[in-house]
Amino acid sequence: MIRLTKSNEEDETELSRKSGSLKIYLKNNWLQICFKNWGRVETEVVCKQLGFREGAASLKGRNADGLLLVDQRHVHQK
């Protein structure tokens, strides 16, 4: 299961349903996802899974607790 959460809990103007941090439910925890080589194709796939017609943008940055790093061959949980 995946979901979007607010990137900035302090920002009341952010539309959390349409933007935010991507998280996946794994082993009874919600983990923020960080993809190596994330691009337009991956953005489109995830946005469609979330119910959108297409993806608009993907941004990099921000460290977080419970980070799940994904590359094309391996998954690493921090």
N, C-alpha and C. Protein backbone atom coordinates (compact mmCIF):
# COMPACT_ATOMS: atom_id res chain seq x y z
N MET A 1 0.84 -1.16 0.00
CA MET A 1 0.00 0.00 0.00
C MET A 1 0.90 1.24 0.00
N ILE A 2 0.54 2.24 -0.77
CA ILE A 2 1.30 3.50 -0.81
C ILE A 2 0.36 4.66 -0.50
N ARG A 3 0.95 5.78 -0.07
CA ARG A 3 0.16 6.98 0.20
C ARG A 3 1.07 8.20 0.12
N LEU A 4 0.43 9.36 0.04
CA LEU A 4 1.13 10.64 0.13
C LEU A 4 0.87 11.23 1.50
N THR A 5 1.91 11.79 2.11
CA THR A 5 1.75 12.51 3.37
C THR A 5 2.32 13.91 3.20
N LYS A 6 1.94 14.81 4.07
CA LYS A 6 2.46 16.18 3.98
C LYS A 6 3.97 16.19 4.06
N SER A 7 4.60 16.95 3.19
CA SER A 7 6.05 17.13 3.25
C SER A 7 6.44 18.00 4.42
N ASN A 8 5.62 19.00 4.68
CA ASN A 8 5.91 19.97 5.73
C ASN A 8 4.69 20.08 6.64
N GLU A 9 4.75 19.48 7.81
CA GLU A 9 3.62 19.48 8.74
C GLU A 9 3.22 20.89 9.17
N GLU A 10 4.14 21.85 9.07
CA GLU A 10 3.88 23.23 9.49
C GLU A 10 3.07 24.00 8.44
N ASP A 11 3.10 23.56 7.19
CA ASP A 11 2.49 24.29 6.08
C ASP A 11 1.02 23.90 5.93
N GLU A 12 0.13 24.74 6.42
CA GLU A 12 -1.30 24.47 6.36
C GLU A 12 -1.86 24.64 4.95
N THR A 13 -1.13 25.31 4.05
CA THR A 13 -1.64 25.55 2.70
C THR A 13 -1.37 24.39 1.76
N GLU A 14 -0.50 23.47 2.15
CA GLU A 14 -0.16 22.35 1.27
C GLU A 14 -1.37 21.44 1.07
N LEU A 15 -1.59 21.05 -0.16
CA LEU A 15 -2.68 20.13 -0.47
C LEU A 15 -2.13 18.71 -0.33
N SER A 16 -2.31 18.11 0.83
CA SER A 16 -1.65 16.84 1.12
C SER A 16 -2.11 15.70 0.22
N ARG A 17 -3.30 15.77 -0.35
CA ARG A 17 -3.74 14.70 -1.23
C ARG A 17 -3.05 14.75 -2.58
N LYS A 18 -2.60 15.92 -3.01
CA LYS A 18 -2.01 16.06 -4.34
C LYS A 18 -0.51 16.26 -4.31
N SER A 19 0.07 16.42 -3.15
CA SER A 19 1.52 16.58 -3.05
C SER A 19 1.98 16.07 -1.70
N GLY A 20 3.25 15.79 -1.58
CA GLY A 20 3.78 15.35 -0.30
C GLY A 20 4.85 14.29 -0.45
N SER A 21 5.13 13.61 0.64
CA SER A 21 6.14 12.56 0.66
C SER A 21 5.47 11.23 0.36
N LEU A 22 6.11 10.44 -0.47
CA LEU A 22 5.59 9.12 -0.83
C LEU A 22 5.99 8.12 0.24
N LYS A 23 5.01 7.37 0.74
CA LYS A 23 5.28 6.36 1.77
C LYS A 23 4.67 5.02 1.37
N ILE A 24 5.30 3.95 1.85
CA ILE A 24 4.82 2.59 1.61
C ILE A 24 4.63 1.90 2.96
N TYR A 25 3.59 1.08 3.05
CA TYR A 25 3.32 0.33 4.28
C TYR A 25 4.07 -0.99 4.20
N LEU A 26 5.01 -1.20 5.12
CA LEU A 26 5.86 -2.39 5.10
C LEU A 26 6.12 -2.83 6.53
N LYS A 27 5.83 -4.06 6.84
CA LYS A 27 6.08 -4.64 8.16
C LYS A 27 5.49 -3.78 9.28
N ASN A 28 4.22 -3.42 9.14
CA ASN A 28 3.47 -2.66 10.15
C ASN A 28 3.98 -1.23 10.37
N ASN A 29 4.70 -0.68 9.40
CA ASN A 29 5.19 0.70 9.50
C ASN A 29 5.02 1.42 8.17
N TRP A 30 4.78 2.73 8.25
CA TRP A 30 4.79 3.57 7.05
C TRP A 30 6.20 4.12 6.89
N LEU A 31 6.85 3.81 5.75
CA LEU A 31 8.22 4.25 5.50
C LEU A 31 8.25 5.20 4.32
N GLN A 32 9.01 6.28 4.46
CA GLN A 32 9.19 7.21 3.35
C GLN A 32 10.08 6.55 2.30
N ILE A 33 9.72 6.70 1.04
CA ILE A 33 10.46 6.05 -0.03
C ILE A 33 11.42 7.03 -0.68
N CYS A 34 12.63 6.57 -0.91
CA CYS A 34 13.65 7.33 -1.62
C CYS A 34 14.19 6.42 -2.72
N PHE A 35 13.96 6.78 -3.96
CA PHE A 35 14.38 5.95 -5.08
C PHE A 35 15.65 6.48 -5.72
N LYS A 36 16.56 5.58 -6.00
CA LYS A 36 17.74 5.91 -6.78
C LYS A 36 17.31 5.85 -8.24
N ASN A 37 17.68 6.85 -9.01
CA ASN A 37 17.33 6.93 -10.44
C ASN A 37 15.82 7.06 -10.66
N TRP A 38 15.13 7.78 -9.78
CA TRP A 38 13.70 8.04 -9.92
C TRP A 38 13.50 9.02 -11.06
N GLY A 39 12.53 8.77 -11.91
CA GLY A 39 12.31 9.64 -13.05
C GLY A 39 10.84 9.79 -13.39
N ARG A 40 10.59 10.29 -14.58
CA ARG A 40 9.23 10.57 -15.05
C ARG A 40 8.36 9.31 -15.10
N VAL A 41 8.92 8.20 -15.59
CA VAL A 41 8.16 6.96 -15.71
C VAL A 41 7.68 6.49 -14.33
N GLU A 42 8.57 6.50 -13.36
CA GLU A 42 8.22 6.09 -12.00
C GLU A 42 7.16 7.01 -11.39
N THR A 43 7.30 8.30 -11.65
CA THR A 43 6.32 9.27 -11.17
C THR A 43 4.94 8.97 -11.76
N GLU A 44 4.89 8.69 -13.05
CA GLU A 44 3.62 8.37 -13.72
C GLU A 44 2.97 7.12 -13.11
N VAL A 45 3.76 6.08 -12.90
CA VAL A 45 3.24 4.82 -12.36
C VAL A 45 2.65 5.03 -10.97
N VAL A 46 3.40 5.69 -10.09
CA VAL A 46 2.93 5.90 -8.72
C VAL A 46 1.70 6.80 -8.70
N CYS A 47 1.71 7.86 -9.48
CA CYS A 47 0.56 8.76 -9.50
C CYS A 47 -0.69 8.04 -9.99
N LYS A 48 -0.56 7.17 -10.98
CA LYS A 48 -1.71 6.39 -11.45
C LYS A 48 -2.19 5.43 -10.37
N GLN A 49 -1.27 4.84 -9.61
CA GLN A 49 -1.66 3.96 -8.51
C GLN A 49 -2.41 4.73 -7.43
N LEU A 50 -2.11 6.01 -7.29
CA LEU A 50 -2.78 6.86 -6.30
C LEU A 50 -4.09 7.44 -6.83
N GLY A 51 -4.44 7.14 -8.09
CA GLY A 51 -5.70 7.58 -8.65
C GLY A 51 -5.65 8.81 -9.52
N PHE A 52 -4.46 9.31 -9.84
CA PHE A 52 -4.32 10.47 -10.71
C PHE A 52 -4.14 10.03 -12.15
N ARG A 53 -4.47 10.90 -13.09
CA ARG A 53 -4.30 10.58 -14.51
C ARG A 53 -2.84 10.54 -14.91
N GLU A 54 -2.04 11.42 -14.32
CA GLU A 54 -0.62 11.50 -14.67
C GLU A 54 0.15 12.14 -13.53
N GLY A 55 1.46 12.04 -13.59
CA GLY A 55 2.32 12.67 -12.59
C GLY A 55 2.78 14.03 -13.08
N ALA A 56 2.95 14.95 -12.17
CA ALA A 56 3.36 16.30 -12.54
C ALA A 56 4.85 16.54 -12.33
N ALA A 57 5.38 16.10 -11.20
CA ALA A 57 6.79 16.37 -10.90
C ALA A 57 7.27 15.43 -9.81
N SER A 58 8.55 15.23 -9.79
CA SER A 58 9.16 14.51 -8.68
C SER A 58 10.33 15.34 -8.19
N LEU A 59 10.43 15.51 -6.89
CA LEU A 59 11.48 16.33 -6.30
C LEU A 59 12.36 15.48 -5.42
N LYS A 60 13.60 15.91 -5.27
CA LYS A 60 14.53 15.18 -4.42
C LYS A 60 14.84 16.01 -3.19
N GLY A 61 15.30 15.34 -2.15
CA GLY A 61 15.71 16.05 -0.95
C GLY A 61 15.05 15.49 0.28
N ARG A 62 15.35 16.10 1.41
CA ARG A 62 14.75 15.80 2.70
C ARG A 62 15.07 14.41 3.23
N ASN A 63 15.80 14.36 4.32
CA ASN A 63 16.05 13.11 5.02
C ASN A 63 14.91 12.86 5.99
N ALA A 64 14.64 11.59 6.27
CA ALA A 64 13.56 11.26 7.19
C ALA A 64 13.86 9.97 7.93
N ASP A 65 13.25 9.83 9.10
CA ASP A 65 13.33 8.56 9.82
C ASP A 65 12.49 7.54 9.07
N GLY A 66 12.85 6.29 9.18
CA GLY A 66 12.09 5.24 8.52
C GLY A 66 12.19 5.33 7.02
N LEU A 67 13.37 5.56 6.51
CA LEU A 67 13.57 5.74 5.07
C LEU A 67 13.79 4.39 4.40
N LEU A 68 13.14 4.17 3.29
CA LEU A 68 13.31 2.97 2.49
C LEU A 68 13.98 3.37 1.19
N LEU A 69 15.22 2.95 1.01
CA LEU A 69 15.97 3.27 -0.21
C LEU A 69 15.78 2.16 -1.22
N VAL A 70 15.43 2.53 -2.45
CA VAL A 70 15.16 1.53 -3.48
C VAL A 70 16.01 1.85 -4.70
N ASP A 71 16.72 0.84 -5.20
CA ASP A 71 17.34 0.98 -6.51
C ASP A 71 16.81 -0.16 -7.37
N GLN A 72 17.35 -0.36 -8.54
CA GLN A 72 16.78 -1.34 -9.47
C GLN A 72 16.99 -2.78 -9.02
N ARG A 73 17.89 -3.02 -8.09
CA ARG A 73 18.18 -4.39 -7.68
C ARG A 73 17.97 -4.67 -6.20
N HIS A 74 18.02 -3.65 -5.38
CA HIS A 74 18.02 -3.87 -3.93
C HIS A 74 17.08 -2.90 -3.21
N VAL A 75 16.62 -3.31 -2.04
CA VAL A 75 15.86 -2.45 -1.15
C VAL A 75 16.61 -2.40 0.17
N HIS A 76 16.85 -1.20 0.68
CA HIS A 76 17.60 -1.01 1.92
C HIS A 76 16.75 -0.19 2.89
N GLN A 77 16.50 -0.73 4.06
CA GLN A 77 15.74 0.01 5.07
C GLN A 77 16.68 0.62 6.08
N LYS A 78 16.49 1.93 6.36
CA LYS A 78 17.32 2.63 7.36
C LYS A 78 16.56 2.73 8.65
